[in-house]
Amino acid sequence: MIRVDTKRLETDTKYVAKVLKSMNRKVSTKIVRQSLRKGSLTIVQTAKEKVPVKSGVLKSSIRAYKVKAWKPNTMVYRVGLTEKGWYGRFVEFGTIKQKPQPFLRPAMMENDDRVLNTFKSEIRKHISKMGVRK
């Protein structure tokens, strides 16, 4: 069992990292993965609201998915398009004949603080569920 100081858990990011390191590696990896996914879904939601819709294919192809990280002990989630939405880059950046209609970049810029806050709150929620309160 892990002892968790709930007051420090709410305010101290270094304390959260220390608690995560003291956990079983599989458990802490799962917590971080779930929290990253939840944070990235805020970008997906906003991008789906901003994307211009004709048939709905592009909107349904916006996804968040885990990609292999280059550095060890690093986890990366990417927000992008599936193969069905291959033409999304033309919508996002425009072509010679079409004006750009950006939807992914503005969604990421609008939600950077929200993603971080969601990530932090999800980690704290998972840790407080598992730990024993002081």
C-alpha atoms as a PDB file:
ATOM      1  CA  MET A   1       0.000   0.000   0.000  1.00  0.00           C
ATOM      2  CA  ILE A   2       1.103   3.502  -0.726  1.00  0.00           C
ATOM      3  CA  ARG A   3       0.640   6.346   1.712  1.00  0.00           C
ATOM      4  CA  VAL A   4      -0.616   9.477   0.003  1.00  0.00           C
ATOM      5  CA  ASP A   5      -0.828  12.950   1.484  1.00  0.00           C
ATOM      6  CA  THR A   6      -3.968  14.232  -0.269  1.00  0.00           C
ATOM      7  CA  LYS A   7      -3.246  17.895   0.459  1.00  0.00           C
ATOM      8  CA  ARG A   8       0.176  17.688  -1.198  1.00  0.00           C
ATOM      9  CA  LEU A   9      -1.321  15.640  -4.025  1.00  0.00           C
ATOM     10  CA  GLU A  10      -3.530  18.583  -5.014  1.00  0.00           C
ATOM     11  CA  THR A  11      -0.745  21.158  -5.153  1.00  0.00           C
ATOM     12  CA  ASP A  12       2.698  19.619  -5.504  1.00  0.00           C
ATOM     13  CA  THR A  13       3.596  18.194  -8.941  1.00  0.00           C
ATOM     14  CA  LYS A  14       6.954  16.860  -7.713  1.00  0.00           C
ATOM     15  CA  TYR A  15       5.141  14.936  -5.004  1.00  0.00           C
ATOM     16  CA  VAL A  16       2.875  13.362  -7.644  1.00  0.00           C
ATOM     17  CA  ALA A  17       5.940  12.278  -9.637  1.00  0.00           C
ATOM     18  CA  LYS A  18       7.488  10.817  -6.466  1.00  0.00           C
ATOM     19  CA  VAL A  19       4.325   8.832  -5.712  1.00  0.00           C
ATOM     20  CA  LEU A  20       4.213   7.523  -9.297  1.00  0.00           C
ATOM     21  CA  LYS A  21       7.849   6.394  -9.057  1.00  0.00           C
ATOM     22  CA  SER A  22       7.148   4.546  -5.824  1.00  0.00           C
ATOM     23  CA  MET A  23       4.390   2.493  -7.505  1.00  0.00           C
ATOM     24  CA  ASN A  24       4.687  -0.708  -9.453  1.00  0.00           C
ATOM     25  CA  ARG A  25       5.935   0.169 -12.962  1.00  0.00           C
ATOM     26  CA  LYS A  26       2.980  -1.435 -14.743  1.00  0.00           C
ATOM     27  CA  VAL A  27       0.480   0.404 -12.575  1.00  0.00           C
ATOM     28  CA  SER A  28       2.142   3.795 -12.933  1.00  0.00           C
ATOM     29  CA  THR A  29       2.485   3.305 -16.707  1.00  0.00           C
ATOM     30  CA  LYS A  30      -1.201   2.484 -16.946  1.00  0.00           C
ATOM     31  CA  ILE A  31      -2.132   5.585 -14.926  1.00  0.00           C
ATOM     32  CA  VAL A  32       0.018   7.855 -17.102  1.00  0.00           C
ATOM     33  CA  ARG A  33      -1.277   6.268 -20.325  1.00  0.00           C
ATOM     34  CA  GLN A  34      -4.926   6.697 -19.301  1.00  0.00           C
ATOM     35  CA  SER A  35      -4.319  10.265 -18.184  1.00  0.00           C
ATOM     36  CA  LEU A  36      -2.512  11.182 -21.418  1.00  0.00           C
ATOM     37  CA  ARG A  37      -5.327   9.687 -23.460  1.00  0.00           C
ATOM     38  CA  LYS A  38      -7.963  11.603 -21.518  1.00  0.00           C
ATOM     39  CA  GLY A  39      -6.004  14.834 -21.984  1.00  0.00           C
ATOM     40  CA  SER A  40      -5.576  14.291 -25.717  1.00  0.00           C
ATOM     41  CA  LEU A  41      -9.291  13.614 -26.143  1.00  0.00           C
ATOM     42  CA  THR A  42      -9.981  17.271 -25.317  1.00  0.00           C
ATOM     43  CA  ILE A  43      -8.095  18.226 -28.491  1.00  0.00           C
ATOM     44  CA  VAL A  44      -9.981  15.595 -30.493  1.00  0.00           C
ATOM     45  CA  GLN A  45     -13.306  16.941 -29.265  1.00  0.00           C
ATOM     46  CA  THR A  46     -12.454  20.543 -30.172  1.00  0.00           C
ATOM     47  CA  ALA A  47     -11.058  19.529 -33.587  1.00  0.00           C
ATOM     48  CA  LYS A  48     -14.271  17.651 -34.351  1.00  0.00           C
ATOM     49  CA  GLU A  49     -16.239  20.798 -33.499  1.00  0.00           C
ATOM     50  CA  LYS A  50     -14.070  22.941 -35.788  1.00  0.00           C
ATOM     51  CA  VAL A  51     -13.698  20.670 -38.833  1.00  0.00           C
ATOM     52  CA  PRO A  52     -15.786  21.648 -41.874  1.00  0.00           C
ATOM     53  CA  VAL A  53     -18.280  18.857 -42.569  1.00  0.00           C
ATOM     54  CA  LYS A  54     -19.477  17.698 -45.984  1.00  0.00           C
ATOM     55  CA  SER A  55     -19.807  13.943 -45.646  1.00  0.00           C
ATOM     56  CA  GLY A  56     -18.605  13.465 -42.053  1.00  0.00           C
ATOM     57  CA  VAL A  57     -15.696  11.221 -43.056  1.00  0.00           C
ATOM     58  CA  LEU A  58     -13.050  13.752 -42.054  1.00  0.00           C
ATOM     59  CA  LYS A  59     -14.762  14.412 -38.737  1.00  0.00           C
ATOM     60  CA  SER A  60     -14.932  10.706 -37.909  1.00  0.00           C
ATOM     61  CA  SER A  61     -11.282  10.199 -38.850  1.00  0.00           C
ATOM     62  CA  ILE A  62      -9.921  12.514 -36.119  1.00  0.00           C
ATOM     63  CA  ARG A  63      -8.332  10.307 -33.454  1.00  0.00           C
ATOM     64  CA  ALA A  64      -5.902  10.277 -30.552  1.00  0.00           C
ATOM     65  CA  TYR A  65      -3.520   7.346 -30.525  1.00  0.00           C
ATOM     66  CA  LYS A  66      -0.361   6.247 -28.793  1.00  0.00           C
ATOM     67  CA  VAL A  67       2.811   6.319 -30.879  1.00  0.00           C
ATOM     68  CA  LYS A  68       6.170   4.797 -30.132  1.00  0.00           C
ATOM     69  CA  ALA A  69       8.409   7.252 -28.315  1.00  0.00           C
ATOM     70  CA  TRP A  70      12.004   7.791 -29.364  1.00  0.00           C
ATOM     71  CA  LYS A  71      13.279   8.192 -25.825  1.00  0.00           C
ATOM     72  CA  PRO A  72      13.071   5.491 -23.172  1.00  0.00           C
ATOM     73  CA  ASN A  73      10.577   6.042 -20.325  1.00  0.00           C
ATOM     74  CA  THR A  74       8.583   8.415 -22.515  1.00  0.00           C
ATOM     75  CA  MET A  75       4.992   8.101 -23.653  1.00  0.00           C
ATOM     76  CA  VAL A  76       3.550  10.034 -26.601  1.00  0.00           C
ATOM     77  CA  TYR A  77      -0.033  10.455 -27.741  1.00  0.00           C
ATOM     78  CA  ARG A  78      -0.709  11.966 -31.129  1.00  0.00           C
ATOM     79  CA  VAL A  79      -3.866  13.636 -32.359  1.00  0.00           C
ATOM     80  CA  GLY A  80      -4.311  13.167 -36.077  1.00  0.00           C
ATOM     81  CA  LEU A  81      -6.291  11.610 -38.879  1.00  0.00           C
ATOM     82  CA  THR A  82      -6.825   7.999 -39.865  1.00  0.00           C
ATOM     83  CA  GLU A  83      -6.274   6.810 -43.437  1.00  0.00           C
ATOM     84  CA  LYS A  84      -9.880   7.593 -44.341  1.00  0.00           C
ATOM     85  CA  GLY A  85      -9.174  11.258 -43.635  1.00  0.00           C
ATOM     86  CA  TRP A  86      -6.115  11.404 -45.903  1.00  0.00           C
ATOM     87  CA  TYR A  87      -7.363  14.619 -47.508  1.00  0.00           C
ATOM     88  CA  GLY A  88      -7.475  16.447 -44.159  1.00  0.00           C
ATOM     89  CA  ARG A  89      -4.090  18.031 -44.821  1.00  0.00           C
ATOM     90  CA  PHE A  90      -5.568  19.765 -47.871  1.00  0.00           C
ATOM     91  CA  VAL A  91      -8.418  21.124 -45.743  1.00  0.00           C
ATOM     92  CA  GLU A  92      -6.055  22.168 -42.942  1.00  0.00           C
ATOM     93  CA  PHE A  93      -3.395  23.860 -45.093  1.00  0.00           C
ATOM     94  CA  GLY A  94      -5.311  24.605 -48.304  1.00  0.00           C
ATOM     95  CA  THR A  95      -4.356  24.067 -51.924  1.00  0.00           C
ATOM     96  CA  ILE A  96      -3.849  26.302 -54.932  1.00  0.00           C
ATOM     97  CA  LYS A  97      -7.605  26.338 -55.527  1.00  0.00           C
ATOM     98  CA  GLN A  98      -8.864  26.061 -51.951  1.00  0.00           C
ATOM     99  CA  LYS A  99      -8.392  28.337 -48.955  1.00  0.00           C
ATOM    100  CA  PRO A 100      -7.058  26.711 -45.784  1.00  0.00           C
ATOM    101  CA  GLN A 101      -9.656  25.812 -43.171  1.00  0.00           C
ATOM    102  CA  PRO A 102      -7.516  24.932 -40.164  1.00  0.00           C
ATOM    103  CA  PHE A 103      -9.105  22.761 -37.495  1.00  0.00           C
ATOM    104  CA  LEU A 104      -6.323  20.695 -35.860  1.00  0.00           C
ATOM    105  CA  ARG A 105      -3.824  23.446 -35.123  1.00  0.00           C
ATOM    106  CA  PRO A 106      -6.385  25.821 -33.578  1.00  0.00           C
ATOM    107  CA  ALA A 107      -7.779  22.957 -31.493  1.00  0.00           C
ATOM    108  CA  MET A 108      -4.304  22.239 -30.127  1.00  0.00           C
ATOM    109  CA  MET A 109      -3.564  25.902 -29.428  1.00  0.00           C
ATOM    110  CA  GLU A 110      -6.872  26.483 -27.656  1.00  0.00           C
ATOM    111  CA  ASN A 111      -6.559  23.434 -25.421  1.00  0.00           C
ATOM    112  CA  ASP A 112      -2.914  23.316 -24.347  1.00  0.00           C
ATOM    113  CA  ASP A 113      -3.703  24.442 -20.775  1.00  0.00           C
ATOM    114  CA  ARG A 114      -6.831  22.300 -20.628  1.00  0.00           C
ATOM    115  CA  VAL A 115      -4.897  19.210 -21.727  1.00  0.00           C
ATOM    116  CA  LEU A 116      -2.276  19.737 -19.050  1.00  0.00           C
ATOM    117  CA  ASN A 117      -4.879  20.346 -16.351  1.00  0.00           C
ATOM    118  CA  THR A 118      -6.868  17.275 -17.418  1.00  0.00           C
ATOM    119  CA  PHE A 119      -3.689  15.181 -17.395  1.00  0.00           C
ATOM    120  CA  LYS A 120      -2.757  16.352 -13.897  1.00  0.00           C
ATOM    121  CA  SER A 121      -6.243  15.913 -12.463  1.00  0.00           C
ATOM    122  CA  GLU A 122      -6.588  12.407 -13.929  1.00  0.00           C
ATOM    123  CA  ILE A 123      -3.256  11.325 -12.438  1.00  0.00           C
ATOM    124  CA  ARG A 124      -4.239  12.741  -9.059  1.00  0.00           C
ATOM    125  CA  LYS A 125      -7.631  11.026  -9.258  1.00  0.00           C
ATOM    126  CA  HIS A 126      -6.050   7.634 -10.010  1.00  0.00           C
ATOM    127  CA  ILE A 127      -3.431   8.008  -7.271  1.00  0.00           C
ATOM    128  CA  SER A 128      -5.948   9.049  -4.647  1.00  0.00           C
ATOM    129  CA  LYS A 129      -8.148   6.050  -5.569  1.00  0.00           C
ATOM    130  CA  MET A 130      -5.240   3.656  -5.002  1.00  0.00           C
ATOM    131  CA  GLY A 131      -3.452   5.188  -2.042  1.00  0.00           C
ATOM    132  CA  VAL A 132      -4.120   5.189   1.652  1.00  0.00           C
ATOM    133  CA  ARG A 133      -4.858   8.657   2.943  1.00  0.00           C
ATOM    134  CA  LYS A 134      -2.784  10.078   5.771  1.00  0.00           C
END
